Amino acid sequence: MSRGQDARGGRGIALALAAALGVGLGAASGCSTPGVTPSPSSSASASSAAAPSLPPGSTSLRDLGFTNAPAGFAIPVGVTVVSGVNEVSVITAQFSADDGPAVLAFLLANLAAMGHPITASSADSVVFGGDPWHGAFTMNAATALLTLRYRDQ
């Protein structure tokens, strides 16, 4: 398979996962102001159980202000969340295109240990399961997005 075919396949996966999750690049970036820390909403998905240990070199989404994110879901230290959505049933974090490869590599290496088995991946995206949270990460030349959805939604 040629490099061009790989890229088209990756875009197809990215578009399919964005459609399946109900989130597109415009929808995620239009939901909040860039550079603004996500505002907390009700914390129905928060657990009173102790948070699981984080992978080395990471920080939790909760520590970054995503109060509704699942306990123990982490991203690599050093990446910047450009904007985000912090709802009870949907978490979206937008990163710069420059941070996308680091986030993708981190997720590919750590999702399973965080309780989220990988169900599909390509050179620019990953789709993962989990109970009750599942989600996807995708990137392109302009941006990178992580979306988590609560299973019941």
C-alpha atoms as a PDB file:
ATOM      1  CA  MET A   1       0.000   0.000   0.000  1.00  0.00           C
ATOM      2  CA  SER A   2       1.380   3.442  -0.871  1.00  0.00           C
ATOM      3  CA  ARG A   3       1.829   6.290   1.570  1.00  0.00           C
ATOM      4  CA  GLY A   4      -1.086   8.123  -0.079  1.00  0.00           C
ATOM      5  CA  GLN A   5      -3.381   5.179   0.502  1.00  0.00           C
ATOM      6  CA  ASP A   6      -2.332   5.054   4.182  1.00  0.00           C
ATOM      7  CA  ALA A   7      -3.156   8.743   4.599  1.00  0.00           C
ATOM      8  CA  ARG A   8      -6.574   8.346   2.958  1.00  0.00           C
ATOM      9  CA  GLY A   9      -7.320   5.381   5.191  1.00  0.00           C
ATOM     10  CA  GLY A  10      -6.322   7.349   8.272  1.00  0.00           C
ATOM     11  CA  ARG A  11      -8.567  10.246   7.294  1.00  0.00           C
ATOM     12  CA  GLY A  12     -11.399   7.799   6.699  1.00  0.00           C
ATOM     13  CA  ILE A  13     -10.966   6.322  10.168  1.00  0.00           C
ATOM     14  CA  ALA A  14     -10.764   9.800  11.676  1.00  0.00           C
ATOM     15  CA  LEU A  15     -13.931  10.948   9.915  1.00  0.00           C
ATOM     16  CA  ALA A  16     -15.760   7.753  10.825  1.00  0.00           C
ATOM     17  CA  LEU A  17     -14.806   7.981  14.476  1.00  0.00           C
ATOM     18  CA  ALA A  18     -15.722  11.666  14.655  1.00  0.00           C
ATOM     19  CA  ALA A  19     -19.105  10.887  13.103  1.00  0.00           C
ATOM     20  CA  ALA A  20     -19.651   7.916  15.404  1.00  0.00           C
ATOM     21  CA  LEU A  21     -18.849  10.023  18.434  1.00  0.00           C
ATOM     22  CA  GLY A  22     -20.936  12.915  17.159  1.00  0.00           C
ATOM     23  CA  VAL A  23     -18.027  15.338  17.314  1.00  0.00           C
ATOM     24  CA  GLY A  24     -16.366  17.100  14.425  1.00  0.00           C
ATOM     25  CA  LEU A  25     -13.469  19.494  14.393  1.00  0.00           C
ATOM     26  CA  GLY A  26     -15.779  22.479  14.080  1.00  0.00           C
ATOM     27  CA  ALA A  27     -18.127  21.260  16.774  1.00  0.00           C
ATOM     28  CA  ALA A  28     -15.374  20.784  19.316  1.00  0.00           C
ATOM     29  CA  SER A  29     -13.491  23.966  18.624  1.00  0.00           C
ATOM     30  CA  GLY A  30     -16.677  26.034  18.473  1.00  0.00           C
ATOM     31  CA  CYS A  31     -17.839  24.932  21.913  1.00  0.00           C
ATOM     32  CA  SER A  32     -15.369  26.946  23.918  1.00  0.00           C
ATOM     33  CA  THR A  33     -12.950  29.792  23.685  1.00  0.00           C
ATOM     34  CA  PRO A  34      -9.338  28.823  22.888  1.00  0.00           C
ATOM     35  CA  GLY A  35      -6.994  29.058  25.852  1.00  0.00           C
ATOM     36  CA  VAL A  36      -9.802  28.960  28.411  1.00  0.00           C
ATOM     37  CA  THR A  37      -9.738  26.282  31.082  1.00  0.00           C
ATOM     38  CA  PRO A  38     -12.891  24.147  30.895  1.00  0.00           C
ATOM     39  CA  SER A  39     -15.506  25.174  33.414  1.00  0.00           C
ATOM     40  CA  PRO A  40     -16.762  22.507  35.777  1.00  0.00           C
ATOM     41  CA  SER A  41     -20.312  21.270  35.540  1.00  0.00           C
ATOM     42  CA  SER A  42     -22.094  18.778  37.752  1.00  0.00           C
ATOM     43  CA  SER A  43     -19.877  15.882  38.628  1.00  0.00           C
ATOM     44  CA  ALA A  44     -22.311  12.967  38.228  1.00  0.00           C
ATOM     45  CA  SER A  45     -19.635  10.816  36.648  1.00  0.00           C
ATOM     46  CA  ALA A  46     -17.122  11.408  39.431  1.00  0.00           C
ATOM     47  CA  SER A  47     -16.360   8.454  41.627  1.00  0.00           C
ATOM     48  CA  SER A  48     -15.636   8.552  45.339  1.00  0.00           C
ATOM     49  CA  ALA A  49     -13.125   5.729  44.888  1.00  0.00           C
ATOM     50  CA  ALA A  50      -9.425   6.544  44.977  1.00  0.00           C
ATOM     51  CA  ALA A  51      -8.048   7.537  41.596  1.00  0.00           C
ATOM     52  CA  PRO A  52      -5.936   4.875  39.912  1.00  0.00           C
ATOM     53  CA  SER A  53      -2.219   5.526  39.594  1.00  0.00           C
ATOM     54  CA  LEU A  54      -1.243   7.476  36.493  1.00  0.00           C
ATOM     55  CA  PRO A  55       1.291   6.361  33.897  1.00  0.00           C
ATOM     56  CA  PRO A  56       4.766   7.878  34.370  1.00  0.00           C
ATOM     57  CA  GLY A  57       5.178  11.293  32.755  1.00  0.00           C
ATOM     58  CA  SER A  58       1.472  12.064  32.721  1.00  0.00           C
ATOM     59  CA  THR A  59      -1.173  14.227  34.311  1.00  0.00           C
ATOM     60  CA  SER A  60      -4.860  13.470  34.718  1.00  0.00           C
ATOM     61  CA  LEU A  61      -7.560  15.290  32.795  1.00  0.00           C
ATOM     62  CA  ARG A  62      -9.159  16.072  36.168  1.00  0.00           C
ATOM     63  CA  ASP A  63      -5.982  17.838  37.296  1.00  0.00           C
ATOM     64  CA  LEU A  64      -6.276  19.990  34.166  1.00  0.00           C
ATOM     65  CA  GLY A  65      -9.789  21.149  35.108  1.00  0.00           C
ATOM     66  CA  PHE A  66     -11.898  18.466  33.426  1.00  0.00           C
ATOM     67  CA  THR A  67     -13.785  17.668  36.634  1.00  0.00           C
ATOM     68  CA  ASN A  68     -16.166  15.280  34.862  1.00  0.00           C
ATOM     69  CA  ALA A  69     -13.418  13.181  33.241  1.00  0.00           C
ATOM     70  CA  PRO A  70     -12.981   9.587  34.367  1.00  0.00           C
ATOM     71  CA  ALA A  71     -10.590   9.153  37.286  1.00  0.00           C
ATOM     72  CA  GLY A  72      -7.165   8.104  36.095  1.00  0.00           C
ATOM     73  CA  PHE A  73      -7.526   9.172  32.463  1.00  0.00           C
ATOM     74  CA  ALA A  74      -4.241  10.872  31.664  1.00  0.00           C
ATOM     75  CA  ILE A  75      -2.361  12.704  28.936  1.00  0.00           C
ATOM     76  CA  PRO A  76       1.372  13.351  28.699  1.00  0.00           C
ATOM     77  CA  VAL A  77       2.906  16.153  30.739  1.00  0.00           C
ATOM     78  CA  GLY A  78       4.012  19.069  28.594  1.00  0.00           C
ATOM     79  CA  VAL A  79       1.131  19.189  26.118  1.00  0.00           C
ATOM     80  CA  THR A  80      -1.231  22.147  26.211  1.00  0.00           C
ATOM     81  CA  VAL A  81      -5.010  21.941  26.128  1.00  0.00           C
ATOM     82  CA  VAL A  82      -6.039  24.721  23.732  1.00  0.00           C
ATOM     83  CA  SER A  83      -9.759  24.454  24.494  1.00  0.00           C
ATOM     84  CA  GLY A  84     -12.138  21.956  25.942  1.00  0.00           C
ATOM     85  CA  VAL A  85     -15.625  20.822  26.804  1.00  0.00           C
ATOM     86  CA  ASN A  86     -16.295  19.507  30.313  1.00  0.00           C
ATOM     87  CA  GLU A  87     -19.802  18.067  30.369  1.00  0.00           C
ATOM     88  CA  VAL A  88     -21.151  15.218  32.484  1.00  0.00           C
ATOM     89  CA  SER A  89     -21.307  12.825  29.537  1.00  0.00           C
ATOM     90  CA  VAL A  90     -18.800  14.297  27.038  1.00  0.00           C
ATOM     91  CA  ILE A  91     -15.246  15.486  27.526  1.00  0.00           C
ATOM     92  CA  THR A  92     -13.381  17.041  24.601  1.00  0.00           C
ATOM     93  CA  ALA A  93      -9.837  18.369  24.765  1.00  0.00           C
ATOM     94  CA  GLN A  94      -8.310  20.185  21.809  1.00  0.00           C
ATOM     95  CA  PHE A  95      -4.527  20.283  21.442  1.00  0.00           C
ATOM     96  CA  SER A  96      -2.305  22.068  18.963  1.00  0.00           C
ATOM     97  CA  ALA A  97      -1.296  20.123  15.887  1.00  0.00           C
ATOM     98  CA  ASP A  98       2.289  20.150  17.222  1.00  0.00           C
ATOM     99  CA  ASP A  99       1.206  18.288  20.385  1.00  0.00           C
ATOM    100  CA  GLY A 100      -0.886  15.736  18.460  1.00  0.00           C
ATOM    101  CA  PRO A 101       1.872  13.156  17.823  1.00  0.00           C
ATOM    102  CA  ALA A 102       2.905  13.144  21.513  1.00  0.00           C
ATOM    103  CA  VAL A 103      -0.688  12.659  22.670  1.00  0.00           C
ATOM    104  CA  LEU A 104      -1.292   9.878  20.129  1.00  0.00           C
ATOM    105  CA  ALA A 105       1.929   8.041  21.070  1.00  0.00           C
ATOM    106  CA  PHE A 106       1.073   8.347  24.763  1.00  0.00           C
ATOM    107  CA  LEU A 107      -2.467   7.046  24.263  1.00  0.00           C
ATOM    108  CA  LEU A 108      -1.330   4.114  22.127  1.00  0.00           C
ATOM    109  CA  ALA A 109       1.161   3.136  24.837  1.00  0.00           C
ATOM    110  CA  ASN A 110      -1.116   3.684  27.859  1.00  0.00           C
ATOM    111  CA  LEU A 111      -4.816   3.344  27.029  1.00  0.00           C
ATOM    112  CA  ALA A 112      -5.048  -0.346  27.920  1.00  0.00           C
ATOM    113  CA  ALA A 113      -3.380   0.222  31.302  1.00  0.00           C
ATOM    114  CA  MET A 114      -5.862   3.043  31.954  1.00  0.00           C
ATOM    115  CA  GLY A 115      -8.745   0.605  31.344  1.00  0.00           C
ATOM    116  CA  HIS A 116      -9.510   1.593  27.758  1.00  0.00           C
ATOM    117  CA  PRO A 117      -8.769  -1.160  25.213  1.00  0.00           C
ATOM    118  CA  ILE A 118      -7.909   0.077  21.726  1.00  0.00           C
ATOM    119  CA  THR A 119     -10.528  -0.959  19.165  1.00  0.00           C
ATOM    120  CA  ALA A 120      -9.010   0.721  16.079  1.00  0.00           C
ATOM    121  CA  SER A 121      -6.008   2.872  15.233  1.00  0.00           C
ATOM    122  CA  SER A 122      -4.183   4.474  12.331  1.00  0.00           C
ATOM    123  CA  ALA A 123      -1.231   6.781  11.867  1.00  0.00           C
ATOM    124  CA  ASP A 124      -3.335   9.748  13.013  1.00  0.00           C
ATOM    125  CA  SER A 125      -6.092   8.383  15.235  1.00  0.00           C
ATOM    126  CA  VAL A 126      -7.147   5.841  17.826  1.00  0.00           C
ATOM    127  CA  VAL A 127     -10.577   4.627  18.941  1.00  0.00           C
ATOM    128  CA  PHE A 128     -10.925   3.012  22.349  1.00  0.00           C
ATOM    129  CA  GLY A 129     -13.494   1.309  24.509  1.00  0.00           C
ATOM    130  CA  GLY A 130     -14.025   1.161  28.223  1.00  0.00           C
ATOM    131  CA  ASP A 131     -16.805   0.990  30.723  1.00  0.00           C
ATOM    132  CA  PRO A 132     -18.477   3.347  31.219  1.00  0.00           C
ATOM    133  CA  TRP A 133     -16.272   5.757  29.192  1.00  0.00           C
ATOM    134  CA  HIS A 134     -15.162   5.253  25.571  1.00  0.00           C
ATOM    135  CA  GLY A 135     -13.680   7.644  23.071  1.00  0.00           C
ATOM    136  CA  ALA A 136     -11.317   8.612  20.316  1.00  0.00           C
ATOM    137  CA  PHE A 137      -8.353  10.783  19.481  1.00  0.00           C
ATOM    138  CA  THR A 138      -7.656  12.168  16.040  1.00  0.00           C
ATOM    139  CA  MET A 139      -5.312  14.740  14.560  1.00  0.00           C
ATOM    140  CA  ASN A 140      -4.548  16.509  11.308  1.00  0.00           C
ATOM    141  CA  ALA A 141      -2.236  19.299  10.152  1.00  0.00           C
ATOM    142  CA  ALA A 142      -4.306  21.946  11.977  1.00  0.00           C
ATOM    143  CA  THR A 143      -5.411  20.419  15.295  1.00  0.00           C
ATOM    144  CA  ALA A 144      -5.707  17.374  17.526  1.00  0.00           C
ATOM    145  CA  LEU A 145      -8.825  16.290  19.450  1.00  0.00           C
ATOM    146  CA  LEU A 146      -9.531  13.856  22.265  1.00  0.00           C
ATOM    147  CA  THR A 147     -13.164  12.989  22.960  1.00  0.00           C
ATOM    148  CA  LEU A 148     -14.510  10.818  25.771  1.00  0.00           C
ATOM    149  CA  ARG A 149     -18.171   9.844  25.945  1.00  0.00           C
ATOM    150  CA  TYR A 150     -20.057   8.258  28.778  1.00  0.00           C
ATOM    151  CA  ARG A 151     -21.333   4.848  27.614  1.00  0.00           C
ATOM    152  CA  ASP A 152     -25.016   5.629  28.291  1.00  0.00           C
ATOM    153  CA  GLN A 153     -24.960   8.672  26.011  1.00  0.00           C
END
